[in-house]
């Protein structure tokens, strides 16, 4: 049986810049690193929840497909207002919080390579509420 989402993987143009964003600004802790036999780091695993990770590898980015299927990743936060204030204090551009169609708070931002990230904060009226453990 599938237990949940294990990880999301990104290829980024600059590993150091991505680590600064995901770890330094968003606060994800580095779980472990990938290194070549020479010792050069080429990727990291970042802890993104109880059993979830964000995997990042440095490499050449393919051009965006005209009809690519990737839309965004969504990260749950505990306090949407405090999270937005913290991110903006760190220089991250993000939208104002709003309640989406699913009755959950949402905010939008992007990583240094333009990958879209949604921040989600559930409400008692969220359509997801009956399914949360």
N, C-alpha and C. Protein backbone atom coordinates (compact mmCIF):
# COMPACT_ATOMS: atom_id res chain seq x y z
N UNK A 1 0.84 -1.19 0.00
CA UNK A 1 0.00 0.00 0.00
C UNK A 1 0.87 1.25 0.00
N UNK A 2 0.42 2.27 -0.64
CA UNK A 2 1.12 3.55 -0.64
C UNK A 2 0.83 4.26 0.67
N UNK A 3 1.87 4.72 1.34
CA UNK A 3 1.73 5.38 2.63
C UNK A 3 1.61 6.89 2.52
N UNK A 4 2.19 7.47 1.47
CA UNK A 4 2.14 8.92 1.33
C UNK A 4 3.19 9.38 0.35
N UNK A 5 3.34 10.68 0.23
CA UNK A 5 4.33 11.26 -0.66
C UNK A 5 5.70 11.19 0.00
N UNK A 6 6.65 10.49 -0.61
CA UNK A 6 7.99 10.33 -0.03
C UNK A 6 8.86 11.55 -0.29
N UNK A 7 8.93 11.98 -1.54
CA UNK A 7 9.72 13.17 -1.85
C UNK A 7 9.31 13.77 -3.19
N UNK A 8 9.67 15.03 -3.35
CA UNK A 8 9.56 15.74 -4.61
C UNK A 8 10.99 16.06 -5.01
N UNK A 9 11.32 15.86 -6.29
CA UNK A 9 12.69 16.07 -6.75
C UNK A 9 12.74 17.22 -7.75
N UNK A 10 13.74 18.10 -7.55
CA UNK A 10 13.99 19.20 -8.47
C UNK A 10 15.42 19.14 -8.98
N UNK A 11 15.61 19.45 -10.25
CA UNK A 11 16.92 19.75 -10.79
C UNK A 11 17.01 21.27 -10.80
N UNK A 12 18.08 21.80 -10.23
CA UNK A 12 18.23 23.25 -10.10
C UNK A 12 19.51 23.71 -10.79
N UNK A 13 19.54 24.97 -11.14
CA UNK A 13 20.71 25.52 -11.83
C UNK A 13 21.87 25.78 -10.88
N UNK A 14 21.59 26.03 -9.61
CA UNK A 14 22.63 26.28 -8.61
C UNK A 14 22.24 25.60 -7.30
N UNK A 15 22.98 24.58 -6.92
CA UNK A 15 22.68 23.86 -5.69
C UNK A 15 22.81 24.78 -4.47
N UNK A 16 23.86 25.59 -4.43
CA UNK A 16 24.05 26.50 -3.30
C UNK A 16 22.89 27.48 -3.16
N UNK A 17 22.44 28.03 -4.27
CA UNK A 17 21.33 28.98 -4.25
C UNK A 17 20.03 28.29 -3.80
N UNK A 18 19.81 27.06 -4.25
CA UNK A 18 18.61 26.31 -3.86
C UNK A 18 18.66 25.96 -2.38
N UNK A 19 19.82 25.57 -1.88
CA UNK A 19 19.96 25.25 -0.45
C UNK A 19 19.71 26.50 0.39
N UNK A 20 20.23 27.64 -0.05
CA UNK A 20 19.99 28.89 0.68
C UNK A 20 18.50 29.19 0.74
N UNK A 21 17.78 28.94 -0.36
CA UNK A 21 16.35 29.20 -0.38
C UNK A 21 15.58 28.19 0.48
N UNK A 22 15.72 26.90 0.20
CA UNK A 22 14.93 25.88 0.87
C UNK A 22 15.34 25.67 2.33
N UNK A 23 16.62 25.71 2.60
CA UNK A 23 17.09 25.50 3.97
C UNK A 23 17.25 26.82 4.72
N UNK A 24 17.96 27.77 4.12
CA UNK A 24 18.23 29.02 4.79
C UNK A 24 17.00 29.88 5.00
N UNK A 25 16.14 29.98 3.98
CA UNK A 25 14.97 30.87 4.08
C UNK A 25 13.68 30.15 4.47
N UNK A 26 13.42 28.97 3.88
CA UNK A 26 12.20 28.25 4.24
C UNK A 26 12.38 27.40 5.50
N UNK A 27 13.62 27.12 5.88
CA UNK A 27 13.88 26.43 7.14
C UNK A 27 13.93 24.92 7.11
N UNK A 28 13.93 24.31 5.91
CA UNK A 28 14.05 22.86 5.85
C UNK A 28 15.47 22.44 6.25
N UNK A 29 15.57 21.40 7.05
CA UNK A 29 16.87 20.90 7.50
C UNK A 29 17.42 19.90 6.48
N UNK A 30 18.73 19.97 6.26
CA UNK A 30 19.37 19.00 5.37
C UNK A 30 19.43 17.66 6.09
N UNK A 31 18.84 16.64 5.48
CA UNK A 31 18.88 15.29 6.06
C UNK A 31 20.20 14.61 5.70
N UNK A 32 20.55 14.67 4.41
CA UNK A 32 21.83 14.11 3.97
C UNK A 32 22.19 14.69 2.61
N UNK A 33 23.43 14.47 2.21
CA UNK A 33 23.95 15.00 0.95
C UNK A 33 24.35 13.87 0.02
N UNK A 34 24.31 14.16 -1.27
CA UNK A 34 24.85 13.26 -2.28
C UNK A 34 26.19 13.83 -2.72
N UNK A 35 27.23 13.00 -2.72
CA UNK A 35 28.57 13.45 -3.13
C UNK A 35 29.17 12.47 -4.13
N UNK A 36 29.90 13.02 -5.09
CA UNK A 36 30.66 12.18 -6.01
C UNK A 36 31.82 11.54 -5.25
N UNK A 37 32.47 10.56 -5.85
CA UNK A 37 33.64 9.92 -5.23
C UNK A 37 34.73 10.93 -4.92
N UNK A 38 34.75 12.04 -5.64
CA UNK A 38 35.74 13.09 -5.43
C UNK A 38 35.41 13.95 -4.21
N UNK A 39 34.22 13.76 -3.64
CA UNK A 39 33.80 14.55 -2.49
C UNK A 39 32.94 15.75 -2.85
N UNK A 40 32.78 16.03 -4.13
CA UNK A 40 32.00 17.19 -4.57
C UNK A 40 30.50 16.89 -4.36
N UNK A 41 29.84 17.80 -3.68
CA UNK A 41 28.40 17.66 -3.42
C UNK A 41 27.62 17.99 -4.70
N UNK A 42 26.65 17.12 -5.04
CA UNK A 42 25.83 17.38 -6.22
C UNK A 42 24.33 17.32 -5.92
N UNK A 43 23.98 17.03 -4.67
CA UNK A 43 22.57 16.98 -4.32
C UNK A 43 22.36 16.91 -2.82
N UNK A 44 21.13 17.19 -2.41
CA UNK A 44 20.77 17.11 -0.99
C UNK A 44 19.35 16.58 -0.85
N UNK A 45 19.08 16.02 0.31
CA UNK A 45 17.75 15.63 0.75
C UNK A 45 17.38 16.56 1.89
N UNK A 46 16.24 17.22 1.80
CA UNK A 46 15.78 18.14 2.83
C UNK A 46 14.54 17.57 3.50
N UNK A 47 14.52 17.58 4.82
CA UNK A 47 13.38 17.09 5.60
C UNK A 47 12.21 18.05 5.43
N UNK A 48 11.06 17.55 4.93
CA UNK A 48 9.91 18.40 4.65
C UNK A 48 8.66 17.99 5.43
N UNK A 49 8.80 17.10 6.38
CA UNK A 49 7.66 16.64 7.16
C UNK A 49 8.02 15.33 7.83
N UNK A 50 7.04 14.73 8.49
CA UNK A 50 7.31 13.52 9.25
C UNK A 50 7.99 12.44 8.41
N UNK A 51 7.50 12.21 7.20
CA UNK A 51 8.05 11.17 6.34
C UNK A 51 8.24 11.69 4.91
N UNK A 52 8.39 12.99 4.75
CA UNK A 52 8.49 13.60 3.43
C UNK A 52 9.76 14.41 3.27
N UNK A 53 10.26 14.45 2.04
CA UNK A 53 11.51 15.14 1.75
C UNK A 53 11.39 15.91 0.44
N UNK A 54 12.28 16.88 0.27
CA UNK A 54 12.51 17.54 -1.01
C UNK A 54 13.92 17.17 -1.42
N UNK A 55 14.05 16.61 -2.60
CA UNK A 55 15.33 16.14 -3.14
C UNK A 55 15.77 17.13 -4.20
N UNK A 56 17.01 17.61 -4.10
CA UNK A 56 17.50 18.62 -5.03
C UNK A 56 18.83 18.17 -5.63
N UNK A 57 18.91 18.22 -6.95
CA UNK A 57 20.15 17.91 -7.65
C UNK A 57 20.51 19.08 -8.55
N UNK A 58 21.80 19.39 -8.62
CA UNK A 58 22.26 20.43 -9.53
C UNK A 58 22.45 19.83 -10.91
N UNK A 59 22.01 20.54 -11.92
CA UNK A 59 22.18 20.03 -13.27
C UNK A 59 21.70 21.03 -14.30
N UNK A 60 21.71 20.59 -15.53
CA UNK A 60 21.25 21.44 -16.62
C UNK A 60 19.72 21.38 -16.67
N UNK A 61 19.11 22.54 -16.73
CA UNK A 61 17.66 22.60 -16.78
C UNK A 61 17.18 22.47 -18.21
N UNK A 62 16.17 21.65 -18.38
CA UNK A 62 15.54 21.53 -19.69
C UNK A 62 14.63 22.73 -19.89
N UNK A 63 14.44 23.15 -21.12
CA UNK A 63 13.49 24.25 -21.34
C UNK A 63 12.09 23.81 -20.92
N UNK A 64 11.29 24.75 -20.45
CA UNK A 64 9.92 24.44 -20.07
C UNK A 64 9.16 23.94 -21.29
N UNK A 65 8.45 22.87 -21.10
CA UNK A 65 7.64 22.33 -22.18
C UNK A 65 6.42 23.22 -22.39
N UNK A 66 5.96 23.28 -23.62
CA UNK A 66 4.81 24.13 -23.92
C UNK A 66 3.59 23.70 -23.10
N UNK A 67 3.45 22.41 -22.91
CA UNK A 67 2.32 21.88 -22.14
C UNK A 67 2.82 20.96 -21.04
N UNK A 68 3.77 21.44 -20.23
CA UNK A 68 4.31 20.59 -19.18
C UNK A 68 3.24 20.32 -18.13
N UNK A 69 3.34 19.17 -17.48
CA UNK A 69 2.31 18.78 -16.54
C UNK A 69 2.60 19.27 -15.11
N UNK A 70 3.84 19.63 -14.81
CA UNK A 70 4.15 20.10 -13.46
C UNK A 70 3.43 21.42 -13.21
N UNK A 71 2.75 21.52 -12.09
CA UNK A 71 2.08 22.76 -11.73
C UNK A 71 2.76 23.45 -10.57
N UNK A 72 2.90 22.73 -9.45
CA UNK A 72 3.50 23.30 -8.25
C UNK A 72 3.62 22.23 -7.18
N UNK A 73 4.37 22.55 -6.12
CA UNK A 73 4.30 21.74 -4.91
C UNK A 73 3.55 22.57 -3.89
N UNK A 74 2.92 21.90 -2.96
CA UNK A 74 2.15 22.57 -1.92
C UNK A 74 2.68 22.13 -0.57
N UNK A 75 3.00 23.10 0.27
CA UNK A 75 3.53 22.83 1.60
C UNK A 75 2.53 23.34 2.63
N UNK A 76 2.20 22.49 3.60
CA UNK A 76 1.29 22.90 4.67
C UNK A 76 2.03 23.73 5.70
N UNK A 77 1.42 24.81 6.15
CA UNK A 77 1.99 25.66 7.20
C UNK A 77 0.99 25.75 8.35
N UNK A 78 1.49 26.10 9.53
CA UNK A 78 0.62 26.14 10.70
C UNK A 78 -0.04 27.50 10.91
N UNK A 79 0.58 28.58 10.45
CA UNK A 79 0.04 29.93 10.64
C UNK A 79 0.38 30.73 9.39
N UNK A 80 -0.59 30.94 8.53
CA UNK A 80 -0.34 31.56 7.23
C UNK A 80 0.17 32.99 7.37
N UNK A 81 -0.40 33.77 8.29
CA UNK A 81 0.02 35.16 8.46
C UNK A 81 1.44 35.28 8.97
N UNK A 82 1.77 34.49 9.98
CA UNK A 82 3.13 34.52 10.54
C UNK A 82 4.14 34.02 9.52
N UNK A 83 3.76 33.02 8.74
CA UNK A 83 4.67 32.47 7.73
C UNK A 83 4.96 33.51 6.66
N UNK A 84 3.94 34.20 6.18
CA UNK A 84 4.13 35.24 5.17
C UNK A 84 5.03 36.35 5.71
N UNK A 85 4.77 36.78 6.94
CA UNK A 85 5.59 37.84 7.54
C UNK A 85 7.05 37.40 7.63
N UNK A 86 7.29 36.16 8.04
CA UNK A 86 8.65 35.64 8.16
C UNK A 86 9.34 35.57 6.79
N UNK A 87 8.63 35.06 5.79
CA UNK A 87 9.22 34.94 4.45
C UNK A 87 9.54 36.31 3.86
N UNK A 88 8.63 37.25 4.02
CA UNK A 88 8.88 38.59 3.50
C UNK A 88 10.05 39.26 4.21
N UNK A 89 10.21 39.01 5.51
CA UNK A 89 11.35 39.55 6.25
C UNK A 89 12.66 38.97 5.73
N UNK A 90 12.60 37.78 5.14
CA UNK A 90 13.79 37.13 4.56
C UNK A 90 13.97 37.49 3.09
N UNK A 91 13.13 38.40 2.58
CA UNK A 91 13.26 38.85 1.20
C UNK A 91 12.57 37.99 0.17
N UNK A 92 11.68 37.11 0.59
CA UNK A 92 10.97 36.25 -0.36
C UNK A 92 9.68 36.93 -0.77
N UNK A 93 9.49 37.06 -2.08
CA UNK A 93 8.28 37.66 -2.63
C UNK A 93 7.18 36.61 -2.62
N UNK A 94 6.06 36.92 -1.98
CA UNK A 94 4.93 36.00 -1.97
C UNK A 94 3.63 36.80 -2.01
N UNK A 95 2.57 36.12 -2.44
CA UNK A 95 1.28 36.77 -2.55
C UNK A 95 0.69 37.00 -1.16
N UNK A 96 -0.33 37.81 -1.11
CA UNK A 96 -1.08 37.97 0.13
C UNK A 96 -1.91 36.70 0.36
N UNK A 97 -2.14 36.33 1.62
CA UNK A 97 -2.98 35.17 1.89
C UNK A 97 -4.41 35.38 1.40
N UNK A 98 -5.00 34.32 0.86
CA UNK A 98 -6.40 34.35 0.49
C UNK A 98 -6.97 32.96 0.68
N UNK A 99 -8.28 32.89 0.87
CA UNK A 99 -8.94 31.60 0.99
C UNK A 99 -9.29 31.13 -0.42
N UNK A 100 -8.82 29.93 -0.75
CA UNK A 100 -9.08 29.37 -2.07
C UNK A 100 -10.43 28.69 -2.16
N UNK A 101 -10.74 28.19 -3.32
CA UNK A 101 -12.02 27.52 -3.57
C UNK A 101 -12.23 26.37 -2.60
N UNK A 102 -11.14 25.71 -2.20
CA UNK A 102 -11.25 24.57 -1.28
C UNK A 102 -11.38 25.00 0.18
N UNK A 103 -11.55 26.31 0.40
CA UNK A 103 -11.75 26.88 1.73
C UNK A 103 -10.51 26.79 2.63
N UNK A 104 -9.33 26.64 2.03
CA UNK A 104 -8.06 26.64 2.74
C UNK A 104 -7.32 27.93 2.41
N UNK A 105 -6.56 28.43 3.38
CA UNK A 105 -5.71 29.59 3.12
C UNK A 105 -4.61 29.18 2.15
N UNK A 106 -4.24 30.09 1.25
CA UNK A 106 -3.16 29.82 0.32
C UNK A 106 -2.33 31.07 0.06
N UNK A 107 -1.06 30.83 -0.20
CA UNK A 107 -0.09 31.87 -0.56
C UNK A 107 0.79 31.25 -1.64
N UNK A 108 1.24 32.08 -2.58
CA UNK A 108 2.07 31.60 -3.69
C UNK A 108 3.43 32.28 -3.69
N UNK A 109 4.48 31.51 -4.00
CA UNK A 109 5.84 32.01 -4.17
C UNK A 109 6.56 31.10 -5.15
N UNK A 110 7.82 31.39 -5.42
CA UNK A 110 8.60 30.56 -6.34
C UNK A 110 10.02 30.45 -5.81
N UNK A 111 10.67 29.33 -6.14
CA UNK A 111 12.07 29.17 -5.76
C UNK A 111 12.96 29.91 -6.76
N UNK A 112 14.28 29.93 -6.56
CA UNK A 112 15.15 30.70 -7.45
C UNK A 112 15.10 30.29 -8.92
N UNK A 113 14.67 29.05 -9.22
CA UNK A 113 14.56 28.61 -10.60
C UNK A 113 13.14 28.78 -11.15
N UNK A 114 12.26 29.40 -10.37
CA UNK A 114 10.92 29.66 -10.84
C UNK A 114 9.91 28.57 -10.56
N UNK A 115 10.29 27.52 -9.84
CA UNK A 115 9.35 26.47 -9.50
C UNK A 115 8.31 27.02 -8.53
N UNK A 116 7.03 26.86 -8.90
CA UNK A 116 5.96 27.43 -8.09
C UNK A 116 5.73 26.61 -6.82
N UNK A 117 5.51 27.34 -5.72
CA UNK A 117 5.25 26.73 -4.42
C UNK A 117 4.00 27.36 -3.84
N UNK A 118 3.07 26.52 -3.43
CA UNK A 118 1.88 26.98 -2.74
C UNK A 118 2.05 26.66 -1.26
N UNK A 119 1.73 27.62 -0.41
CA UNK A 119 1.66 27.38 1.03
C UNK A 119 0.19 27.26 1.38
N UNK A 120 -0.13 26.24 2.16
CA UNK A 120 -1.52 25.90 2.45
C UNK A 120 -1.71 25.85 3.95
N UNK A 121 -2.80 26.43 4.42
CA UNK A 121 -3.15 26.35 5.84
C UNK A 121 -4.61 25.95 5.91
N UNK A 122 -4.87 24.77 6.44
CA UNK A 122 -6.23 24.26 6.51
C UNK A 122 -7.07 25.06 7.51
N UNK A 123 -8.36 25.13 7.22
CA UNK A 123 -9.34 25.75 8.11
C UNK A 123 -10.36 24.67 8.48
N UNK A 124 -11.20 24.90 9.48
CA UNK A 124 -12.24 23.91 9.78
C UNK A 124 -13.16 23.65 8.58
N UNK A 125 -13.29 24.63 7.68
CA UNK A 125 -14.15 24.47 6.50
C UNK A 125 -13.42 23.88 5.30
N UNK A 126 -12.11 23.65 5.42
CA UNK A 126 -11.34 23.11 4.28
C UNK A 126 -11.95 21.82 3.78
N UNK A 127 -12.03 21.70 2.47
CA UNK A 127 -12.56 20.47 1.88
C UNK A 127 -11.72 19.26 2.25
N UNK A 128 -10.43 19.48 2.59
CA UNK A 128 -9.54 18.38 2.96
C UNK A 128 -9.76 17.89 4.39
N UNK A 129 -10.42 18.70 5.23
CA UNK A 129 -10.54 18.40 6.66
C UNK A 129 -11.04 16.98 6.97
N UNK A 130 -12.04 16.46 6.28
CA UNK A 130 -12.49 15.10 6.62
C UNK A 130 -11.44 14.02 6.36
N UNK A 131 -10.40 14.37 5.59
CA UNK A 131 -9.41 13.37 5.19
C UNK A 131 -8.09 13.50 5.94
N UNK A 132 -7.97 14.50 6.81
CA UNK A 132 -6.72 14.71 7.54
C UNK A 132 -6.66 13.75 8.72
N UNK A 133 -5.49 13.20 8.95
CA UNK A 133 -5.32 12.26 10.07
C UNK A 133 -4.99 12.99 11.33
